[in-house]
All heavy atoms as atom14 arrays in JSON, in Angstrom:
{
  "sequence": "VPELVRENVRVNVMGYHDRLPAKTQQAVDKAIADTAQNNGMVLNFAF",
  "atom14_mask": [
    [1, 1, 1, 1, 1, 1, 1, 0, 0, 0, 0, 0, 0, 0],
    [1, 1, 1, 1, 1, 1, 1, 0, 0, 0, 0, 0, 0, 0],
    [1, 1, 1, 1, 1, 1, 1, 1, 1, 0, 0, 0, 0, 0],
    [1, 1, 1, 1, 1, 1, 1, 1, 0, 0, 0, 0, 0, 0],
    [1, 1, 1, 1, 1, 1, 1, 0, 0, 0, 0, 0, 0, 0],
    [1, 1, 1, 1, 1, 1, 1, 1, 1, 1, 1, 0, 0, 0],
    [1, 1, 1, 1, 1, 1, 1, 1, 1, 0, 0, 0, 0, 0],
    [1, 1, 1, 1, 1, 1, 1, 1, 0, 0, 0, 0, 0, 0],
    [1, 1, 1, 1, 1, 1, 1, 0, 0, 0, 0, 0, 0, 0],
    [1, 1, 1, 1, 1, 1, 1, 1, 1, 1, 1, 0, 0, 0],
    [1, 1, 1, 1, 1, 1, 1, 0, 0, 0, 0, 0, 0, 0],
    [1, 1, 1, 1, 1, 1, 1, 1, 0, 0, 0, 0, 0, 0],
    [1, 1, 1, 1, 1, 1, 1, 0, 0, 0, 0, 0, 0, 0],
    [1, 1, 1, 1, 1, 1, 1, 1, 0, 0, 0, 0, 0, 0],
    [1, 1, 1, 1, 0, 0, 0, 0, 0, 0, 0, 0, 0, 0],
    [1, 1, 1, 1, 1, 1, 1, 1, 1, 1, 1, 1, 0, 0],
    [1, 1, 1, 1, 1, 1, 1, 1, 1, 1, 0, 0, 0, 0],
    [1, 1, 1, 1, 1, 1, 1, 1, 0, 0, 0, 0, 0, 0],
    [1, 1, 1, 1, 1, 1, 1, 1, 1, 1, 1, 0, 0, 0],
    [1, 1, 1, 1, 1, 1, 1, 1, 0, 0, 0, 0, 0, 0],
    [1, 1, 1, 1, 1, 1, 1, 0, 0, 0, 0, 0, 0, 0],
    [1, 1, 1, 1, 1, 0, 0, 0, 0, 0, 0, 0, 0, 0],
    [1, 1, 1, 1, 1, 1, 1, 1, 1, 0, 0, 0, 0, 0],
    [1, 1, 1, 1, 1, 1, 1, 0, 0, 0, 0, 0, 0, 0],
    [1, 1, 1, 1, 1, 1, 1, 1, 1, 0, 0, 0, 0, 0],
    [1, 1, 1, 1, 1, 1, 1, 1, 1, 0, 0, 0, 0, 0],
    [1, 1, 1, 1, 1, 0, 0, 0, 0, 0, 0, 0, 0, 0],
    [1, 1, 1, 1, 1, 1, 1, 0, 0, 0, 0, 0, 0, 0],
    [1, 1, 1, 1, 1, 1, 1, 1, 0, 0, 0, 0, 0, 0],
    [1, 1, 1, 1, 1, 1, 1, 1, 1, 0, 0, 0, 0, 0],
    [1, 1, 1, 1, 1, 0, 0, 0, 0, 0, 0, 0, 0, 0],
    [1, 1, 1, 1, 1, 1, 1, 1, 0, 0, 0, 0, 0, 0],
    [1, 1, 1, 1, 1, 0, 0, 0, 0, 0, 0, 0, 0, 0],
    [1, 1, 1, 1, 1, 1, 1, 1, 0, 0, 0, 0, 0, 0],
    [1, 1, 1, 1, 1, 1, 1, 0, 0, 0, 0, 0, 0, 0],
    [1, 1, 1, 1, 1, 0, 0, 0, 0, 0, 0, 0, 0, 0],
    [1, 1, 1, 1, 1, 1, 1, 1, 1, 0, 0, 0, 0, 0],
    [1, 1, 1, 1, 1, 1, 1, 1, 0, 0, 0, 0, 0, 0],
    [1, 1, 1, 1, 1, 1, 1, 1, 0, 0, 0, 0, 0, 0],
    [1, 1, 1, 1, 0, 0, 0, 0, 0, 0, 0, 0, 0, 0],
    [1, 1, 1, 1, 1, 1, 1, 1, 0, 0, 0, 0, 0, 0],
    [1, 1, 1, 1, 1, 1, 1, 0, 0, 0, 0, 0, 0, 0],
    [1, 1, 1, 1, 1, 1, 1, 1, 0, 0, 0, 0, 0, 0],
    [1, 1, 1, 1, 1, 1, 1, 1, 0, 0, 0, 0, 0, 0],
    [1, 1, 1, 1, 1, 1, 1, 1, 1, 1, 1, 0, 0, 0],
    [1, 1, 1, 1, 1, 0, 0, 0, 0, 0, 0, 0, 0, 0],
    [1, 1, 1, 1, 1, 1, 1, 1, 1, 1, 1, 0, 0, 0]
  ],
  "atom14_positions": [
    [[83.76, 84.26, 117.44], [82.77, 83.66, 116.54], [81.36, 83.67, 117.12], [80.4, 83.98, 116.4], [83.2, 82.25, 116.1], [82.02, 81.45, 115.54], [84.31, 82.34, 115.05], [0.0, 0.0, 0.0], [0.0, 0.0, 0.0], [0.0, 0.0, 0.0], [0.0, 0.0, 0.0], [0.0, 0.0, 0.0], [0.0, 0.0, 0.0], [0.0, 0.0, 0.0]],
    [[81.15, 83.32, 118.4], [79.78, 83.39, 118.94], [79.15, 84.77, 118.78], [77.96, 84.89, 118.49], [79.97, 83.01, 120.41], [81.2, 82.17, 120.42], [82.1, 82.77, 119.4], [0.0, 0.0, 0.0], [0.0, 0.0, 0.0], [0.0, 0.0, 0.0], [0.0, 0.0, 0.0], [0.0, 0.0, 0.0], [0.0, 0.0, 0.0], [0.0, 0.0, 0.0]],
    [[79.96, 85.81, 118.94], [79.45, 87.16, 118.77], [79.16, 87.45, 117.3], [78.18, 88.12, 116.97], [80.45, 88.18, 119.34], [79.86, 89.56, 119.48], [80.72, 90.46, 120.35], [81.7, 89.99, 120.95], [80.37, 91.65, 120.43], [0.0, 0.0, 0.0], [0.0, 0.0, 0.0], [0.0, 0.0, 0.0], [0.0, 0.0, 0.0], [0.0, 0.0, 0.0]],
    [[80.01, 86.93, 116.42], [79.78, 87.1, 114.98], [78.48, 86.43, 114.56], [77.75, 86.95, 113.72], [80.95, 86.53, 114.18], [82.28, 87.27, 114.29], [83.37, 86.53, 113.53], [82.15, 88.7, 113.76], [0.0, 0.0, 0.0], [0.0, 0.0, 0.0], [0.0, 0.0, 0.0], [0.0, 0.0, 0.0], [0.0, 0.0, 0.0], [0.0, 0.0, 0.0]],
    [[78.19, 85.29, 115.16], [76.93, 84.6, 114.86], [75.75, 85.47, 115.3], [74.77, 85.62, 114.56], [76.89, 83.22, 115.55], [75.5, 82.6, 115.42], [77.94, 82.29, 114.95], [0.0, 0.0, 0.0], [0.0, 0.0, 0.0], [0.0, 0.0, 0.0], [0.0, 0.0, 0.0], [0.0, 0.0, 0.0], [0.0, 0.0, 0.0], [0.0, 0.0, 0.0]],
    [[75.85, 86.05, 116.48], [74.78, 86.93, 116.96], [74.63, 88.17, 116.07], [73.52, 88.68, 115.88], [75.05, 87.36, 118.41], [74.92, 86.24, 119.43], [74.86, 86.8, 120.84], [76.08, 87.49, 121.22], [77.13, 86.92, 121.78], [77.11, 85.61, 122.02], [78.19, 87.63, 122.11], [0.0, 0.0, 0.0], [0.0, 0.0, 0.0], [0.0, 0.0, 0.0]],
    [[75.76, 88.64, 115.53], [75.74, 89.83, 114.67], [75.39, 89.48, 113.22], [75.31, 90.37, 112.38], [77.11, 90.51, 114.71], [77.5, 91.09, 116.05], [76.82, 92.42, 116.34], [76.35, 93.07, 115.37], [76.74, 92.8, 117.51], [0.0, 0.0, 0.0], [0.0, 0.0, 0.0], [0.0, 0.0, 0.0], [0.0, 0.0, 0.0], [0.0, 0.0, 0.0]],
    [[75.21, 88.19, 112.92], [74.87, 87.73, 111.57], [75.99, 88.03, 110.58], [75.75, 88.31, 109.39], [73.55, 88.35, 111.09], [72.98, 87.61, 109.89], [73.15, 86.4, 109.73], [72.29, 88.34, 109.02], [0.0, 0.0, 0.0], [0.0, 0.0, 0.0], [0.0, 0.0, 0.0], [0.0, 0.0, 0.0], [0.0, 0.0, 0.0], [0.0, 0.0, 0.0]],
    [[77.24, 87.97, 111.03], [78.41, 88.22, 110.18], [79.01, 86.89, 109.74], [79.18, 85.99, 110.57], [79.46, 89.06, 110.94], [80.77, 89.16, 110.14], [78.91, 90.45, 111.22], [0.0, 0.0, 0.0], [0.0, 0.0, 0.0], [0.0, 0.0, 0.0], [0.0, 0.0, 0.0], [0.0, 0.0, 0.0], [0.0, 0.0, 0.0], [0.0, 0.0, 0.0]],
    [[79.3, 86.78, 108.48], [79.89, 85.55, 107.93], [81.38, 85.73, 107.71], [81.82, 86.75, 107.17], [79.22, 85.17, 106.61], [79.79, 83.92, 105.96], [78.9, 83.43, 104.83], [78.83, 84.37, 103.72], [79.71, 84.4, 102.72], [80.74, 83.57, 102.7], [79.55, 85.27, 101.74], [0.0, 0.0, 0.0], [0.0, 0.0, 0.0], [0.0, 0.0, 0.0]],
    [[82.18, 84.76, 108.12], [83.63, 84.81, 107.98], [84.06, 84.18, 106.66], [83.57, 83.12, 106.27], [84.33, 84.07, 109.15], [85.83, 83.98, 108.9], [84.04, 84.78, 110.46], [0.0, 0.0, 0.0], [0.0, 0.0, 0.0], [0.0, 0.0, 0.0], [0.0, 0.0, 0.0], [0.0, 0.0, 0.0], [0.0, 0.0, 0.0], [0.0, 0.0, 0.0]],
    [[84.95, 84.87, 105.97], [85.61, 84.32, 104.79], [87.11, 84.6, 104.93], [87.5, 85.62, 105.49], [85.06, 84.97, 103.51], [85.63, 84.33, 102.25], [85.27, 83.2, 101.91], [86.51, 85.03, 101.56], [0.0, 0.0, 0.0], [0.0, 0.0, 0.0], [0.0, 0.0, 0.0], [0.0, 0.0, 0.0], [0.0, 0.0, 0.0], [0.0, 0.0, 0.0]],
    [[87.93, 83.7, 104.46], [89.38, 83.89, 104.53], [89.96, 83.59, 103.16], [89.69, 82.53, 102.57], [90.03, 82.99, 105.59], [91.54, 83.21, 105.63], [89.43, 83.27, 106.97], [0.0, 0.0, 0.0], [0.0, 0.0, 0.0], [0.0, 0.0, 0.0], [0.0, 0.0, 0.0], [0.0, 0.0, 0.0], [0.0, 0.0, 0.0], [0.0, 0.0, 0.0]],
    [[90.77, 84.5, 102.63], [91.43, 84.26, 101.35], [92.94, 84.33, 101.55], [93.44, 85.04, 102.43], [90.98, 85.29, 100.31], [91.39, 86.71, 100.59], [90.8, 87.82, 99.3], [91.76, 89.3, 99.69], [0.0, 0.0, 0.0], [0.0, 0.0, 0.0], [0.0, 0.0, 0.0], [0.0, 0.0, 0.0], [0.0, 0.0, 0.0], [0.0, 0.0, 0.0]],
    [[93.64, 83.56, 100.75], [95.08, 83.47, 100.87], [95.51, 82.03, 100.65], [94.72, 81.19, 100.22], [0.0, 0.0, 0.0], [0.0, 0.0, 0.0], [0.0, 0.0, 0.0], [0.0, 0.0, 0.0], [0.0, 0.0, 0.0], [0.0, 0.0, 0.0], [0.0, 0.0, 0.0], [0.0, 0.0, 0.0], [0.0, 0.0, 0.0], [0.0, 0.0, 0.0]],
    [[96.76, 81.75, 100.94], [97.31, 80.4, 100.71], [97.24, 79.61, 102.01], [98.21, 79.5, 102.77], [98.73, 80.53, 100.16], [98.72, 81.23, 98.81], [98.86, 82.61, 98.73], [98.51, 80.51, 97.64], [98.81, 83.26, 97.49], [98.46, 81.15, 96.4], [98.61, 82.52, 96.34], [98.54, 83.14, 95.11], [0.0, 0.0, 0.0], [0.0, 0.0, 0.0]],
    [[96.05, 79.06, 102.27], [95.77, 78.4, 103.55], [96.63, 77.16, 103.76], [96.96, 76.81, 104.89], [94.29, 77.98, 103.62], [93.34, 79.12, 103.45], [92.02, 78.95, 103.15], [93.53, 80.46, 103.53], [91.43, 80.12, 103.04], [92.33, 81.06, 103.27], [0.0, 0.0, 0.0], [0.0, 0.0, 0.0], [0.0, 0.0, 0.0], [0.0, 0.0, 0.0]],
    [[96.97, 76.48, 102.67], [97.7, 75.22, 102.81], [99.1, 75.42, 103.37], [99.75, 74.45, 103.77], [97.77, 74.5, 101.45], [98.43, 75.35, 100.37], [98.3, 76.59, 100.42], [99.08, 74.78, 99.48], [0.0, 0.0, 0.0], [0.0, 0.0, 0.0], [0.0, 0.0, 0.0], [0.0, 0.0, 0.0], [0.0, 0.0, 0.0], [0.0, 0.0, 0.0]],
    [[99.57, 76.64, 103.43], [100.91, 76.92, 103.94], [100.88, 77.41, 105.39], [101.91, 77.77, 105.96], [101.6, 77.97, 103.06], [101.68, 77.52, 101.59], [102.22, 78.6, 100.69], [101.99, 78.29, 99.27], [102.27, 79.1, 98.27], [102.8, 80.29, 98.51], [102.02, 78.74, 97.02], [0.0, 0.0, 0.0], [0.0, 0.0, 0.0], [0.0, 0.0, 0.0]],
    [[99.7, 77.43, 105.98], [99.57, 77.84, 107.37], [99.76, 76.64, 108.3], [99.52, 75.5, 107.89], [98.19, 78.45, 107.6], [97.85, 79.72, 106.83], [96.39, 80.09, 107.06], [98.76, 80.88, 107.25], [0.0, 0.0, 0.0], [0.0, 0.0, 0.0], [0.0, 0.0, 0.0], [0.0, 0.0, 0.0], [0.0, 0.0, 0.0], [0.0, 0.0, 0.0]],
    [[100.14, 76.89, 109.55], [100.22, 75.79, 110.52], [98.86, 75.11, 110.66], [97.81, 75.76, 110.48], [100.63, 76.49, 111.82], [101.29, 77.75, 111.38], [100.6, 78.17, 110.13], [0.0, 0.0, 0.0], [0.0, 0.0, 0.0], [0.0, 0.0, 0.0], [0.0, 0.0, 0.0], [0.0, 0.0, 0.0], [0.0, 0.0, 0.0], [0.0, 0.0, 0.0]],
    [[98.87, 73.84, 111.0], [97.63, 73.06, 111.07], [96.61, 73.69, 112.02], [95.42, 73.76, 111.72], [97.94, 71.63, 111.5], [0.0, 0.0, 0.0], [0.0, 0.0, 0.0], [0.0, 0.0, 0.0], [0.0, 0.0, 0.0], [0.0, 0.0, 0.0], [0.0, 0.0, 0.0], [0.0, 0.0, 0.0], [0.0, 0.0, 0.0], [0.0, 0.0, 0.0]],
    [[97.08, 74.15, 113.19], [96.14, 74.71, 114.18], [95.48, 75.99, 113.64], [94.3, 76.26, 113.93], [96.85, 75.0, 115.49], [97.94, 76.08, 115.4], [98.6, 76.33, 116.75], [99.67, 77.42, 116.63], [100.33, 77.68, 117.93], [0.0, 0.0, 0.0], [0.0, 0.0, 0.0], [0.0, 0.0, 0.0], [0.0, 0.0, 0.0], [0.0, 0.0, 0.0]],
    [[96.23, 76.76, 112.84], [95.67, 77.97, 112.25], [94.64, 77.62, 111.19], [93.56, 78.22, 111.13], [96.79, 78.84, 111.64], [97.82, 79.03, 112.61], [96.25, 80.19, 111.21], [0.0, 0.0, 0.0], [0.0, 0.0, 0.0], [0.0, 0.0, 0.0], [0.0, 0.0, 0.0], [0.0, 0.0, 0.0], [0.0, 0.0, 0.0], [0.0, 0.0, 0.0]],
    [[94.97, 76.64, 110.35], [94.03, 76.19, 109.33], [92.73, 75.7, 109.97], [91.63, 76.01, 109.5], [94.65, 75.06, 108.5], [95.78, 75.49, 107.6], [96.25, 74.35, 106.71], [95.45, 73.68, 106.09], [97.56, 74.14, 106.65], [0.0, 0.0, 0.0], [0.0, 0.0, 0.0], [0.0, 0.0, 0.0], [0.0, 0.0, 0.0], [0.0, 0.0, 0.0]],
    [[92.86, 74.93, 111.02], [91.68, 74.38, 111.69], [90.8, 75.49, 112.27], [89.56, 75.44, 112.17], [92.11, 73.42, 112.79], [92.75, 72.14, 112.27], [93.45, 71.34, 113.36], [93.41, 71.71, 114.54], [94.11, 70.26, 112.99], [0.0, 0.0, 0.0], [0.0, 0.0, 0.0], [0.0, 0.0, 0.0], [0.0, 0.0, 0.0], [0.0, 0.0, 0.0]],
    [[91.42, 76.51, 112.87], [90.66, 77.62, 113.43], [89.92, 78.39, 112.34], [88.75, 78.77, 112.5], [91.6, 78.56, 114.2], [0.0, 0.0, 0.0], [0.0, 0.0, 0.0], [0.0, 0.0, 0.0], [0.0, 0.0, 0.0], [0.0, 0.0, 0.0], [0.0, 0.0, 0.0], [0.0, 0.0, 0.0], [0.0, 0.0, 0.0], [0.0, 0.0, 0.0]],
    [[90.61, 78.61, 111.21], [90.01, 79.31, 110.07], [88.82, 78.51, 109.52], [87.73, 79.05, 109.3], [91.07, 79.55, 108.98], [90.41, 79.93, 107.67], [92.05, 80.63, 109.42], [0.0, 0.0, 0.0], [0.0, 0.0, 0.0], [0.0, 0.0, 0.0], [0.0, 0.0, 0.0], [0.0, 0.0, 0.0], [0.0, 0.0, 0.0], [0.0, 0.0, 0.0]],
    [[89.04, 77.23, 109.29], [87.98, 76.38, 108.72], [86.77, 76.31, 109.64], [85.62, 76.34, 109.17], [88.52, 74.97, 108.46], [89.57, 74.94, 107.34], [89.61, 75.91, 106.56], [90.31, 73.95, 107.26], [0.0, 0.0, 0.0], [0.0, 0.0, 0.0], [0.0, 0.0, 0.0], [0.0, 0.0, 0.0], [0.0, 0.0, 0.0], [0.0, 0.0, 0.0]],
    [[87.01, 76.25, 110.94], [85.89, 76.16, 111.9], [85.1, 77.47, 111.91], [83.86, 77.45, 111.97], [86.41, 75.85, 113.29], [85.3, 75.57, 114.32], [85.88, 75.17, 115.66], [84.79, 74.75, 116.64], [83.77, 75.81, 116.85], [0.0, 0.0, 0.0], [0.0, 0.0, 0.0], [0.0, 0.0, 0.0], [0.0, 0.0, 0.0], [0.0, 0.0, 0.0]],
    [[85.79, 78.6, 111.86], [85.11, 79.89, 111.87], [84.24, 80.05, 110.62], [83.12, 80.55, 110.68], [86.12, 81.02, 111.96], [0.0, 0.0, 0.0], [0.0, 0.0, 0.0], [0.0, 0.0, 0.0], [0.0, 0.0, 0.0], [0.0, 0.0, 0.0], [0.0, 0.0, 0.0], [0.0, 0.0, 0.0], [0.0, 0.0, 0.0], [0.0, 0.0, 0.0]],
    [[84.77, 79.62, 109.49], [84.01, 79.69, 108.24], [82.77, 78.81, 108.33], [81.66, 79.22, 107.96], [84.89, 79.27, 107.05], [86.0, 80.32, 106.82], [84.06, 79.09, 105.78], [87.03, 79.9, 105.79], [0.0, 0.0, 0.0], [0.0, 0.0, 0.0], [0.0, 0.0, 0.0], [0.0, 0.0, 0.0], [0.0, 0.0, 0.0], [0.0, 0.0, 0.0]],
    [[82.94, 77.6, 108.85], [81.81, 76.66, 108.96], [80.77, 77.16, 109.96], [79.56, 77.07, 109.71], [82.32, 75.29, 109.37], [0.0, 0.0, 0.0], [0.0, 0.0, 0.0], [0.0, 0.0, 0.0], [0.0, 0.0, 0.0], [0.0, 0.0, 0.0], [0.0, 0.0, 0.0], [0.0, 0.0, 0.0], [0.0, 0.0, 0.0], [0.0, 0.0, 0.0]],
    [[81.22, 77.69, 111.1], [80.31, 78.11, 112.15], [79.47, 79.32, 111.76], [78.4, 79.55, 112.34], [81.08, 78.43, 113.43], [81.63, 77.18, 114.11], [81.22, 76.07, 113.73], [82.46, 77.32, 115.03], [0.0, 0.0, 0.0], [0.0, 0.0, 0.0], [0.0, 0.0, 0.0], [0.0, 0.0, 0.0], [0.0, 0.0, 0.0], [0.0, 0.0, 0.0]],
    [[79.96, 80.12, 110.81], [79.23, 81.33, 110.4], [78.65, 81.2, 108.99], [78.13, 82.19, 108.45], [80.15, 82.56, 110.43], [81.24, 82.37, 109.52], [80.71, 82.8, 111.84], [0.0, 0.0, 0.0], [0.0, 0.0, 0.0], [0.0, 0.0, 0.0], [0.0, 0.0, 0.0], [0.0, 0.0, 0.0], [0.0, 0.0, 0.0], [0.0, 0.0, 0.0]],
    [[78.7, 80.02, 108.42], [78.3, 79.82, 107.02], [76.85, 80.18, 106.76], [76.49, 80.58, 105.64], [78.57, 78.37, 106.6], [0.0, 0.0, 0.0], [0.0, 0.0, 0.0], [0.0, 0.0, 0.0], [0.0, 0.0, 0.0], [0.0, 0.0, 0.0], [0.0, 0.0, 0.0], [0.0, 0.0, 0.0], [0.0, 0.0, 0.0], [0.0, 0.0, 0.0]],
    [[75.99, 80.03, 107.77], [74.57, 80.31, 107.58], [74.22, 81.78, 107.75], [73.08, 82.18, 107.48], [73.74, 79.46, 108.56], [73.96, 77.96, 108.42], [73.68, 77.48, 107.0], [72.67, 77.82, 106.4], [74.6, 76.68, 106.47], [0.0, 0.0, 0.0], [0.0, 0.0, 0.0], [0.0, 0.0, 0.0], [0.0, 0.0, 0.0], [0.0, 0.0, 0.0]],
    [[75.16, 82.58, 108.2], [74.89, 84.01, 108.37], [74.78, 84.69, 107.01], [75.53, 84.36, 106.08], [76.0, 84.67, 109.19], [76.06, 84.14, 110.61], [75.17, 83.42, 111.05], [77.11, 84.49, 111.33], [0.0, 0.0, 0.0], [0.0, 0.0, 0.0], [0.0, 0.0, 0.0], [0.0, 0.0, 0.0], [0.0, 0.0, 0.0], [0.0, 0.0, 0.0]],
    [[73.89, 85.63, 106.89], [73.7, 86.3, 105.6], [73.85, 87.81, 105.69], [73.37, 88.56, 104.84], [72.33, 85.96, 105.0], [71.18, 86.34, 105.92], [71.38, 87.02, 106.92], [69.99, 85.89, 105.58], [0.0, 0.0, 0.0], [0.0, 0.0, 0.0], [0.0, 0.0, 0.0], [0.0, 0.0, 0.0], [0.0, 0.0, 0.0], [0.0, 0.0, 0.0]],
    [[74.56, 88.26, 106.73], [74.83, 89.69, 106.86], [76.17, 90.03, 106.24], [76.56, 89.47, 105.22], [0.0, 0.0, 0.0], [0.0, 0.0, 0.0], [0.0, 0.0, 0.0], [0.0, 0.0, 0.0], [0.0, 0.0, 0.0], [0.0, 0.0, 0.0], [0.0, 0.0, 0.0], [0.0, 0.0, 0.0], [0.0, 0.0, 0.0], [0.0, 0.0, 0.0]],
    [[76.89, 90.95, 106.86], [78.18, 91.37, 106.33], [79.17, 90.21, 106.28], [79.17, 89.33, 107.15], [78.77, 92.49, 107.2], [80.02, 93.15, 106.62], [80.77, 94.36, 107.74], [81.63, 93.27, 108.91], [0.0, 0.0, 0.0], [0.0, 0.0, 0.0], [0.0, 0.0, 0.0], [0.0, 0.0, 0.0], [0.0, 0.0, 0.0], [0.0, 0.0, 0.0]],
    [[80.04, 90.22, 105.28], [81.12, 89.25, 105.18], [82.39, 89.87, 105.77], [82.83, 90.94, 105.33], [81.39, 88.83, 103.72], [82.58, 87.88, 103.65], [80.15, 88.18, 103.12], [0.0, 0.0, 0.0], [0.0, 0.0, 0.0], [0.0, 0.0, 0.0], [0.0, 0.0, 0.0], [0.0, 0.0, 0.0], [0.0, 0.0, 0.0], [0.0, 0.0, 0.0]],
    [[82.94, 89.22, 106.78], [84.22, 89.62, 107.35], [85.28, 88.78, 106.66], [85.44, 87.59, 106.93], [84.24, 89.38, 108.87], [85.56, 89.64, 109.59], [86.04, 91.06, 109.38], [85.43, 89.32, 111.07], [0.0, 0.0, 0.0], [0.0, 0.0, 0.0], [0.0, 0.0, 0.0], [0.0, 0.0, 0.0], [0.0, 0.0, 0.0], [0.0, 0.0, 0.0]],
    [[85.99, 89.4, 105.74], [86.92, 88.7, 104.85], [88.36, 88.99, 105.26], [88.83, 90.12, 105.13], [86.67, 89.15, 103.41], [87.59, 88.46, 102.42], [87.77, 87.25, 102.46], [88.16, 89.24, 101.51], [0.0, 0.0, 0.0], [0.0, 0.0, 0.0], [0.0, 0.0, 0.0], [0.0, 0.0, 0.0], [0.0, 0.0, 0.0], [0.0, 0.0, 0.0]],
    [[89.04, 87.97, 105.77], [90.44, 88.13, 106.16], [91.36, 87.73, 105.02], [91.2, 86.66, 104.43], [90.77, 87.26, 107.37], [90.24, 87.79, 108.67], [89.06, 87.28, 109.21], [90.89, 88.8, 109.36], [88.56, 87.76, 110.4], [90.4, 89.28, 110.56], [89.23, 88.76, 111.08], [0.0, 0.0, 0.0], [0.0, 0.0, 0.0], [0.0, 0.0, 0.0]],
    [[92.33, 88.58, 104.72], [93.41, 88.23, 103.79], [94.56, 87.73, 104.66], [95.23, 88.52, 105.32], [93.83, 89.44, 102.97], [0.0, 0.0, 0.0], [0.0, 0.0, 0.0], [0.0, 0.0, 0.0], [0.0, 0.0, 0.0], [0.0, 0.0, 0.0], [0.0, 0.0, 0.0], [0.0, 0.0, 0.0], [0.0, 0.0, 0.0], [0.0, 0.0, 0.0]],
    [[94.75, 86.43, 104.67], [95.72, 85.8, 105.57], [96.66, 84.93, 104.76], [96.24, 84.03, 104.04], [94.99, 84.97, 106.63], [95.76, 84.79, 107.9], [95.75, 85.78, 108.88], [96.51, 83.66, 108.12], [96.48, 85.63, 110.05], [97.24, 83.5, 109.3], [97.23, 84.49, 110.26], [0.0, 0.0, 0.0], [0.0, 0.0, 0.0], [0.0, 0.0, 0.0]]
  ]
}
């Protein structure tokens, strides 16, 4: 994520997040929040 911030890449994740383990959900949510202000390419994970 720190490198994604430097690269101005924003993280998005699509899928059924509520069925993921809590630690995975937390990591996904944090990555989305940490890169929310980036306005370059969207790195969209289908998870």
